[in-house]
């Protein structure tokens, strides 16, 4: 049983060093015509096309940083109260 083409494309793009792949390379990897690649990107929420490149969306570190700063603030306030 093989994976759907849009999942295969997502895994291929995320496996690349810069998490980006040209449309030509993606079409060659999936063995589909170039006009099919934008349709596959539309099916996948993790990918975006900019120019001639299929890129994986970047994940935000905002919630992690906020949690870390809040934890450090609680430790600092607890230390000052003693």
PDB file of N, CA and C in Angstrom:
ATOM      1  N   UNK A   1       0.844  -1.176   0.000  1.00  0.00           N
ATOM      2  CA  UNK A   1       0.000   0.000   0.000  1.00  0.00           C
ATOM      3  C   UNK A   1       0.890   1.241   0.000  1.00  0.00           C
ATOM      4  N   UNK A   2       0.701   2.093  -0.972  1.00  0.00           N
ATOM      5  CA  UNK A   2       1.539   3.280  -1.072  1.00  0.00           C
ATOM      6  C   UNK A   2       0.832   4.498  -0.479  1.00  0.00           C
ATOM      7  N   UNK A   3       1.619   5.502  -0.162  1.00  0.00           N
ATOM      8  CA  UNK A   3       1.092   6.733   0.414  1.00  0.00           C
ATOM      9  C   UNK A   3       0.450   7.595  -0.665  1.00  0.00           C
ATOM     10  N   UNK A   4      -0.506   8.444  -0.289  1.00  0.00           N
ATOM     11  CA  UNK A   4      -1.037   9.403  -1.261  1.00  0.00           C
ATOM     12  C   UNK A   4       0.074  10.346  -1.723  1.00  0.00           C
ATOM     13  N   UNK A   5      -0.063  10.867  -2.924  1.00  0.00           N
ATOM     14  CA  UNK A   5       0.995  11.698  -3.511  1.00  0.00           C
ATOM     15  C   UNK A   5       1.252  12.964  -2.695  1.00  0.00           C
ATOM     16  N   UNK A   6       0.211  13.594  -2.112  1.00  0.00           N
ATOM     17  CA  UNK A   6       0.457  14.820  -1.360  1.00  0.00           C
ATOM     18  C   UNK A   6       1.232  14.552  -0.072  1.00  0.00           C
ATOM     19  N   UNK A   7       1.057  13.379   0.525  1.00  0.00           N
ATOM     20  CA  UNK A   7       1.820  13.004   1.722  1.00  0.00           C
ATOM     21  C   UNK A   7       3.260  12.696   1.332  1.00  0.00           C
ATOM     22  N   UNK A   8       3.433  12.023   0.212  1.00  0.00           N
ATOM     23  CA  UNK A   8       4.772  11.723  -0.294  1.00  0.00           C
ATOM     24  C   UNK A   8       5.538  13.014  -0.573  1.00  0.00           C
ATOM     25  N   UNK A   9       4.859  13.996  -1.173  1.00  0.00           N
ATOM     26  CA  UNK A   9       5.482  15.280  -1.465  1.00  0.00           C
ATOM     27  C   UNK A   9       5.874  15.995  -0.179  1.00  0.00           C
ATOM     28  N   UNK A  10       5.008  15.991   0.807  1.00  0.00           N
ATOM     29  CA  UNK A  10       5.301  16.638   2.083  1.00  0.00           C
ATOM     30  C   UNK A  10       6.525  16.021   2.746  1.00  0.00           C
ATOM     31  N   UNK A  11       6.607  14.712   2.760  1.00  0.00           N
ATOM     32  CA  UNK A  11       7.752  14.034   3.363  1.00  0.00           C
ATOM     33  C   UNK A  11       9.038  14.322   2.603  1.00  0.00           C
ATOM     34  N   UNK A  12       8.962  14.387   1.281  1.00  0.00           N
ATOM     35  CA  UNK A  12      10.147  14.660   0.466  1.00  0.00           C
ATOM     36  C   UNK A  12      10.657  16.078   0.707  1.00  0.00           C
ATOM     37  N   UNK A  13       9.743  17.039   0.776  1.00  0.00           N
ATOM     38  CA  UNK A  13      10.158  18.432   0.989  1.00  0.00           C
ATOM     39  C   UNK A  13      10.745  18.600   2.386  1.00  0.00           C
ATOM     40  N   UNK A  14      10.127  18.014   3.389  1.00  0.00           N
ATOM     41  CA  UNK A  14      10.627  18.139   4.758  1.00  0.00           C
ATOM     42  C   UNK A  14      11.954  17.412   4.960  1.00  0.00           C
ATOM     43  N   UNK A  15      12.253  16.433   4.117  1.00  0.00           N
ATOM     44  CA  UNK A  15      13.511  15.698   4.237  1.00  0.00           C
ATOM     45  C   UNK A  15      14.677  16.452   3.606  1.00  0.00           C
ATOM     46  N   UNK A  16      14.393  17.439   2.774  1.00  0.00           N
ATOM     47  CA  UNK A  16      15.453  18.231   2.148  1.00  0.00           C
ATOM     48  C   UNK A  16      16.146  19.087   3.198  1.00  0.00           C
ATOM     49  N   UNK A  17      17.395  19.449   2.909  1.00  0.00           N
ATOM     50  CA  UNK A  17      18.198  20.208   3.866  1.00  0.00           C
ATOM     51  C   UNK A  17      17.552  21.535   4.244  1.00  0.00           C
ATOM     52  N   UNK A  18      17.089  22.289   3.279  1.00  0.00           N
ATOM     53  CA  UNK A  18      16.492  23.597   3.540  1.00  0.00           C
ATOM     54  C   UNK A  18      14.978  23.555   3.604  1.00  0.00           C
ATOM     55  N   UNK A  19      14.404  22.370   3.616  1.00  0.00           N
ATOM     56  CA  UNK A  19      12.956  22.171   3.621  1.00  0.00           C
ATOM     57  C   UNK A  19      12.303  22.900   2.453  1.00  0.00           C
ATOM     58  N   UNK A  20      12.963  22.802   1.297  1.00  0.00           N
ATOM     59  CA  UNK A  20      12.456  23.424   0.077  1.00  0.00           C
ATOM     60  C   UNK A  20      12.884  22.582  -1.114  1.00  0.00           C
ATOM     61  N   UNK A  21      12.054  22.592  -2.154  1.00  0.00           N
ATOM     62  CA  UNK A  21      12.323  21.802  -3.355  1.00  0.00           C
ATOM     63  C   UNK A  21      11.675  22.524  -4.533  1.00  0.00           C
ATOM     64  N   UNK A  22      12.363  22.566  -5.663  1.00  0.00           N
ATOM     65  CA  UNK A  22      11.765  23.209  -6.830  1.00  0.00           C
ATOM     66  C   UNK A  22      10.605  22.358  -7.344  1.00  0.00           C
ATOM     67  N   UNK A  23       9.729  22.988  -8.085  1.00  0.00           N
ATOM     68  CA  UNK A  23       8.580  22.274  -8.646  1.00  0.00           C
ATOM     69  C   UNK A  23       9.061  21.197  -9.617  1.00  0.00           C
ATOM     70  N   UNK A  24      10.123  21.514 -10.383  1.00  0.00           N
ATOM     71  CA  UNK A  24      10.675  20.530 -11.324  1.00  0.00           C
ATOM     72  C   UNK A  24      11.187  19.287 -10.590  1.00  0.00           C
ATOM     73  N   UNK A  25      11.931  19.519  -9.496  1.00  0.00           N
ATOM     74  CA  UNK A  25      12.483  18.396  -8.728  1.00  0.00           C
ATOM     75  C   UNK A  25      11.368  17.585  -8.067  1.00  0.00           C
ATOM     76  N   UNK A  26      10.343  18.275  -7.575  1.00  0.00           N
ATOM     77  CA  UNK A  26       9.222  17.583  -6.939  1.00  0.00           C
ATOM     78  C   UNK A  26       8.476  16.723  -7.951  1.00  0.00           C
ATOM     79  N   UNK A  27       8.274  17.263  -9.155  1.00  0.00           N
ATOM     80  CA  UNK A  27       7.588  16.498 -10.197  1.00  0.00           C
ATOM     81  C   UNK A  27       8.408  15.283 -10.609  1.00  0.00           C
ATOM     82  N   UNK A  28       9.725  15.449 -10.700  1.00  0.00           N
ATOM     83  CA  UNK A  28      10.586  14.324 -11.061  1.00  0.00           C
ATOM     84  C   UNK A  28      10.592  13.267  -9.962  1.00  0.00           C
ATOM     85  N   UNK A  29      10.603  13.712  -8.705  1.00  0.00           N
ATOM     86  CA  UNK A  29      10.612  12.775  -7.584  1.00  0.00           C
ATOM     87  C   UNK A  29       9.322  11.947  -7.538  1.00  0.00           C
ATOM     88  N   UNK A  30       8.191  12.611  -7.757  1.00  0.00           N
ATOM     89  CA  UNK A  30       6.892  11.929  -7.692  1.00  0.00           C
ATOM     90  C   UNK A  30       6.508  11.247  -9.006  1.00  0.00           C
ATOM     91  N   UNK A  31       7.267  11.517 -10.062  1.00  0.00           N
ATOM     92  CA  UNK A  31       6.987  10.992 -11.405  1.00  0.00           C
ATOM     93  C   UNK A  31       5.602  11.416 -11.879  1.00  0.00           C
ATOM     94  N   UNK A  32       5.327  12.725 -11.756  1.00  0.00           N
ATOM     95  CA  UNK A  32       4.064  13.306 -12.231  1.00  0.00           C
ATOM     96  C   UNK A  32       4.406  14.536 -13.078  1.00  0.00           C
ATOM     97  N   UNK A  33       3.478  15.001 -13.919  1.00  0.00           N
ATOM     98  CA  UNK A  33       3.723  16.239 -14.666  1.00  0.00           C
ATOM     99  C   UNK A  33       3.829  17.440 -13.713  1.00  0.00           C
ATOM    100  N   UNK A  34       4.529  18.491 -14.159  1.00  0.00           N
ATOM    101  CA  UNK A  34       4.761  19.665 -13.308  1.00  0.00           C
ATOM    102  C   UNK A  34       3.468  20.365 -12.897  1.00  0.00           C
ATOM    103  N   UNK A  35       2.432  20.332 -13.738  1.00  0.00           N
ATOM    104  CA  UNK A  35       1.194  21.037 -13.396  1.00  0.00           C
ATOM    105  C   UNK A  35       0.418  20.346 -12.275  1.00  0.00           C
ATOM    106  N   UNK A  36       0.792  19.126 -11.907  1.00  0.00           N
ATOM    107  CA  UNK A  36       0.112  18.398 -10.828  1.00  0.00           C
ATOM    108  C   UNK A  36       0.630  18.841  -9.458  1.00  0.00           C
ATOM    109  N   UNK A  37       1.883  19.278  -9.381  1.00  0.00           N
ATOM    110  CA  UNK A  37       2.502  19.630  -8.091  1.00  0.00           C
ATOM    111  C   UNK A  37       1.726  20.731  -7.364  1.00  0.00           C
ATOM    112  N   UNK A  38       1.321  21.844  -8.014  1.00  0.00           N
ATOM    113  CA  UNK A  38       0.522  22.842  -7.277  1.00  0.00           C
ATOM    114  C   UNK A  38      -0.796  22.288  -6.728  1.00  0.00           C
ATOM    115  N   UNK A  39      -1.400  21.355  -7.425  1.00  0.00           N
ATOM    116  CA  UNK A  39      -2.631  20.736  -6.921  1.00  0.00           C
ATOM    117  C   UNK A  39      -2.356  19.928  -5.656  1.00  0.00           C
ATOM    118  N   UNK A  40      -1.225  19.239  -5.625  1.00  0.00           N
ATOM    119  CA  UNK A  40      -0.860  18.460  -4.446  1.00  0.00           C
ATOM    120  C   UNK A  40      -0.534  19.368  -3.263  1.00  0.00           C
ATOM    121  N   UNK A  41       0.086  20.520  -3.548  1.00  0.00           N
ATOM    122  CA  UNK A  41       0.406  21.468  -2.478  1.00  0.00           C
ATOM    123  C   UNK A  41      -0.871  22.032  -1.870  1.00  0.00           C
ATOM    124  N   UNK A  42      -1.881  22.281  -2.695  1.00  0.00           N
ATOM    125  CA  UNK A  42      -3.160  22.798  -2.187  1.00  0.00           C
ATOM    126  C   UNK A  42      -3.829  21.793  -1.250  1.00  0.00           C
ATOM    127  N   UNK A  43      -3.613  20.511  -1.448  1.00  0.00           N
ATOM    128  CA  UNK A  43      -4.210  19.485  -0.590  1.00  0.00           C
ATOM    129  C   UNK A  43      -3.513  19.378   0.758  1.00  0.00           C
ATOM    130  N   UNK A  44      -2.274  19.884   0.845  1.00  0.00           N
ATOM    131  CA  UNK A  44      -1.480  19.720   2.053  1.00  0.00           C
ATOM    132  C   UNK A  44      -1.328  21.074   2.752  1.00  0.00           C
ATOM    133  N   UNK A  45      -1.704  21.150   4.027  1.00  0.00           N
ATOM    134  CA  UNK A  45      -1.629  22.406   4.774  1.00  0.00           C
ATOM    135  C   UNK A  45      -0.207  22.760   5.202  1.00  0.00           C
ATOM    136  N   UNK A  46       0.714  21.806   5.180  1.00  0.00           N
ATOM    137  CA  UNK A  46       2.076  22.044   5.638  1.00  0.00           C
ATOM    138  C   UNK A  46       2.986  22.631   4.564  1.00  0.00           C
ATOM    139  N   UNK A  47       2.518  22.713   3.332  1.00  0.00           N
ATOM    140  CA  UNK A  47       3.360  23.175   2.236  1.00  0.00           C
ATOM    141  C   UNK A  47       2.827  24.467   1.643  1.00  0.00           C
ATOM    142  N   UNK A  48       3.734  25.246   1.046  1.00  0.00           N
ATOM    143  CA  UNK A  48       3.381  26.489   0.381  1.00  0.00           C
ATOM    144  C   UNK A  48       4.285  26.654  -0.835  1.00  0.00           C
ATOM    145  N   UNK A  49       3.765  27.282  -1.888  1.00  0.00           N
ATOM    146  CA  UNK A  49       4.562  27.546  -3.086  1.00  0.00           C
ATOM    147  C   UNK A  49       4.910  29.025  -3.112  1.00  0.00           C
ATOM    148  N   UNK A  50       6.204  29.323  -3.253  1.00  0.00           N
ATOM    149  CA  UNK A  50       6.680  30.694  -3.428  1.00  0.00           C
ATOM    150  C   UNK A  50       7.553  30.703  -4.663  1.00  0.00           C
ATOM    151  N   UNK A  51       7.072  31.348  -5.697  1.00  0.00           N
ATOM    152  CA  UNK A  51       7.807  31.364  -6.960  1.00  0.00           C
ATOM    153  C   UNK A  51       7.779  29.990  -7.594  1.00  0.00           C
ATOM    154  N   UNK A  52       8.946  29.405  -7.803  1.00  0.00           N
ATOM    155  CA  UNK A  52       9.065  28.074  -8.407  1.00  0.00           C
ATOM    156  C   UNK A  52       9.503  27.042  -7.367  1.00  0.00           C
ATOM    157  N   UNK A  53       9.283  27.341  -6.096  1.00  0.00           N
ATOM    158  CA  UNK A  53       9.785  26.493  -5.013  1.00  0.00           C
ATOM    159  C   UNK A  53       8.636  26.057  -4.116  1.00  0.00           C
ATOM    160  N   UNK A  54       8.629  24.785  -3.778  1.00  0.00           N
ATOM    161  CA  UNK A  54       7.698  24.237  -2.794  1.00  0.00           C
ATOM    162  C   UNK A  54       8.427  24.236  -1.458  1.00  0.00           C
ATOM    163  N   UNK A  55       7.847  24.910  -0.454  1.00  0.00           N
ATOM    164  CA  UNK A  55       8.507  25.020   0.838  1.00  0.00           C
ATOM    165  C   UNK A  55       7.601  24.513   1.951  1.00  0.00           C
ATOM    166  N   UNK A  56       8.227  23.959   2.988  1.00  0.00           N
ATOM    167  CA  UNK A  56       7.485  23.569   4.184  1.00  0.00           C
ATOM    168  C   UNK A  56       7.294  24.814   5.043  1.00  0.00           C
ATOM    169  N   UNK A  57       6.117  24.968   5.630  1.00  0.00           N
ATOM    170  CA  UNK A  57       5.867  26.123   6.486  1.00  0.00           C
ATOM    171  C   UNK A  57       6.722  26.017   7.734  1.00  0.00           C
ATOM    172  N   UNK A  58       7.220  27.144   8.178  1.00  0.00           N
ATOM    173  CA  UNK A  58       8.046  27.196   9.386  1.00  0.00           C
ATOM    174  C   UNK A  58       7.151  27.169  10.612  1.00  0.00           C
ATOM    175  N   UNK A  59       7.608  26.465  11.629  1.00  0.00           N
ATOM    176  CA  UNK A  59       6.851  26.410  12.874  1.00  0.00           C
ATOM    177  C   UNK A  59       7.309  27.520  13.791  1.00  0.00           C
ATOM    178  N   UNK A  60       6.389  28.124  14.501  1.00  0.00           N
ATOM    179  CA  UNK A  60       6.695  29.233  15.394  1.00  0.00           C
ATOM    180  C   UNK A  60       7.157  28.707  16.753  1.00  0.00           C
ATOM    181  N   UNK A  61       8.137  29.392  17.336  1.00  0.00           N
ATOM    182  CA  UNK A  61       8.632  29.032  18.665  1.00  0.00           C
ATOM    183  C   UNK A  61       8.074  29.950  19.741  1.00  0.00           C
ATOM    184  N   UNK A  62       7.124  30.804  19.397  1.00  0.00           N
ATOM    185  CA  UNK A  62       6.570  31.778  20.336  1.00  0.00           C
ATOM    186  C   UNK A  62       6.015  31.166  21.613  1.00  0.00           C
ATOM    187  N   UNK A  63       5.138  30.174  21.541  1.00  0.00           N
ATOM    188  CA  UNK A  63       4.588  29.599  22.776  1.00  0.00           C
ATOM    189  C   UNK A  63       5.645  28.965  23.675  1.00  0.00           C
ATOM    190  N   UNK A  64       6.652  28.364  23.080  1.00  0.00           N
ATOM    191  CA  UNK A  64       7.713  27.736  23.870  1.00  0.00           C
ATOM    192  C   UNK A  64       8.511  28.797  24.612  1.00  0.00           C
ATOM    193  N   UNK A  65       8.859  29.879  23.925  1.00  0.00           N
ATOM    194  CA  UNK A  65       9.627  30.955  24.547  1.00  0.00           C
ATOM    195  C   UNK A  65       8.818  31.615  25.662  1.00  0.00           C
ATOM    196  N   UNK A  66       7.527  31.862  25.418  1.00  0.00           N
ATOM    197  CA  UNK A  66       6.676  32.475  26.445  1.00  0.00           C
ATOM    198  C   UNK A  66       6.592  31.593  27.687  1.00  0.00           C
ATOM    199  N   UNK A  67       6.424  30.303  27.513  1.00  0.00           N
ATOM    200  CA  UNK A  67       6.355  29.373  28.646  1.00  0.00           C
ATOM    201  C   UNK A  67       7.655  29.376  29.437  1.00  0.00           C
ATOM    202  N   UNK A  68       8.771  29.375  28.730  1.00  0.00           N
ATOM    203  CA  UNK A  68      10.077  29.391  29.394  1.00  0.00           C
ATOM    204  C   UNK A  68      10.272  30.671  30.199  1.00  0.00           C
ATOM    205  N   UNK A  69       9.922  31.811  29.622  1.00  0.00           N
ATOM    206  CA  UNK A  69      10.056  33.087  30.340  1.00  0.00           C
ATOM    207  C   UNK A  69       9.124  33.154  31.543  1.00  0.00           C
ATOM    208  N   UNK A  70       7.906  32.650  31.409  1.00  0.00           N
ATOM    209  CA  UNK A  70       6.971  32.643  32.535  1.00  0.00           C
ATOM    210  C   UNK A  70       7.501  31.758  33.664  1.00  0.00           C
ATOM    211  N   UNK A  71       8.042  30.617  33.326  1.00  0.00           N
ATOM    212  CA  UNK A  71       8.597  29.714  34.341  1.00  0.00           C
ATOM    213  C   UNK A  71       9.772  30.368  35.059  1.00  0.00           C
ATOM    214  N   UNK A  72      10.653  31.027  34.293  1.00  0.00           N
ATOM    215  CA  UNK A  72      11.788  31.706  34.908  1.00  0.00           C
ATOM    216  C   UNK A  72      11.325  32.847  35.807  1.00  0.00           C
ATOM    217  N   UNK A  73      10.252  33.543  35.410  1.00  0.00           N
ATOM    218  CA  UNK A  73       9.704  34.620  36.245  1.00  0.00           C
ATOM    219  C   UNK A  73       9.160  34.088  37.557  1.00  0.00           C
ATOM    220  N   UNK A  74       8.469  32.969  37.514  1.00  0.00           N
ATOM    221  CA  UNK A  74       7.932  32.373  38.743  1.00  0.00           C
ATOM    222  C   UNK A  74       9.070  31.962  39.678  1.00  0.00           C
ATOM    223  N   UNK A  75      10.129  31.381  39.137  1.00  0.00           N
ATOM    224  CA  UNK A  75      11.278  30.991  39.956  1.00  0.00           C
ATOM    225  C   UNK A  75      11.935  32.201  40.572  1.00  0.00           C
ATOM    226  N   UNK A  76      12.080  33.288  39.792  1.00  0.00           N
ATOM    227  CA  UNK A  76      12.721  34.512  40.298  1.00  0.00           C
ATOM    228  C   UNK A  76      11.884  35.129  41.406  1.00  0.00           C
ATOM    229  N   UNK A  77      10.590  35.224  41.223  1.00  0.00           N
ATOM    230  CA  UNK A  77       9.707  35.807  42.259  1.00  0.00           C
ATOM    231  C   UNK A  77       9.716  34.943  43.510  1.00  0.00           C
ATOM    232  N   UNK A  78       9.716  33.628  43.363  1.00  0.00           N
ATOM    233  CA  UNK A  78       9.762  32.742  44.527  1.00  0.00           C
ATOM    234  C   UNK A  78      11.087  32.902  45.279  1.00  0.00           C
ATOM    235  N   UNK A  79      12.161  33.102  44.540  1.00  0.00           N
ATOM    236  CA  UNK A  79      13.465  33.309  45.174  1.00  0.00           C
ATOM    237  C   UNK A  79      13.557  34.633  45.910  1.00  0.00           C
ATOM    238  N   UNK A  80      12.914  35.655  45.402  1.00  0.00           N
ATOM    239  CA  UNK A  80      12.936  36.974  46.064  1.00  0.00           C
ATOM    240  C   UNK A  80      12.058  37.006  47.297  1.00  0.00           C
ATOM    241  N   UNK A  81      11.057  36.161  47.384  1.00  0.00           N
ATOM    242  CA  UNK A  81      10.135  36.170  48.518  1.00  0.00           C
ATOM    243  C   UNK A  81      10.726  35.468  49.734  1.00  0.00           C
ATOM    244  N   UNK A  82      11.770  34.728  49.591  1.00  0.00           N
ATOM    245  CA  UNK A  82      12.326  34.008  50.757  1.00  0.00           C
ATOM    246  C   UNK A  82      13.182  34.874  51.597  1.00  0.00           C
TER     247      UNK A  82
END
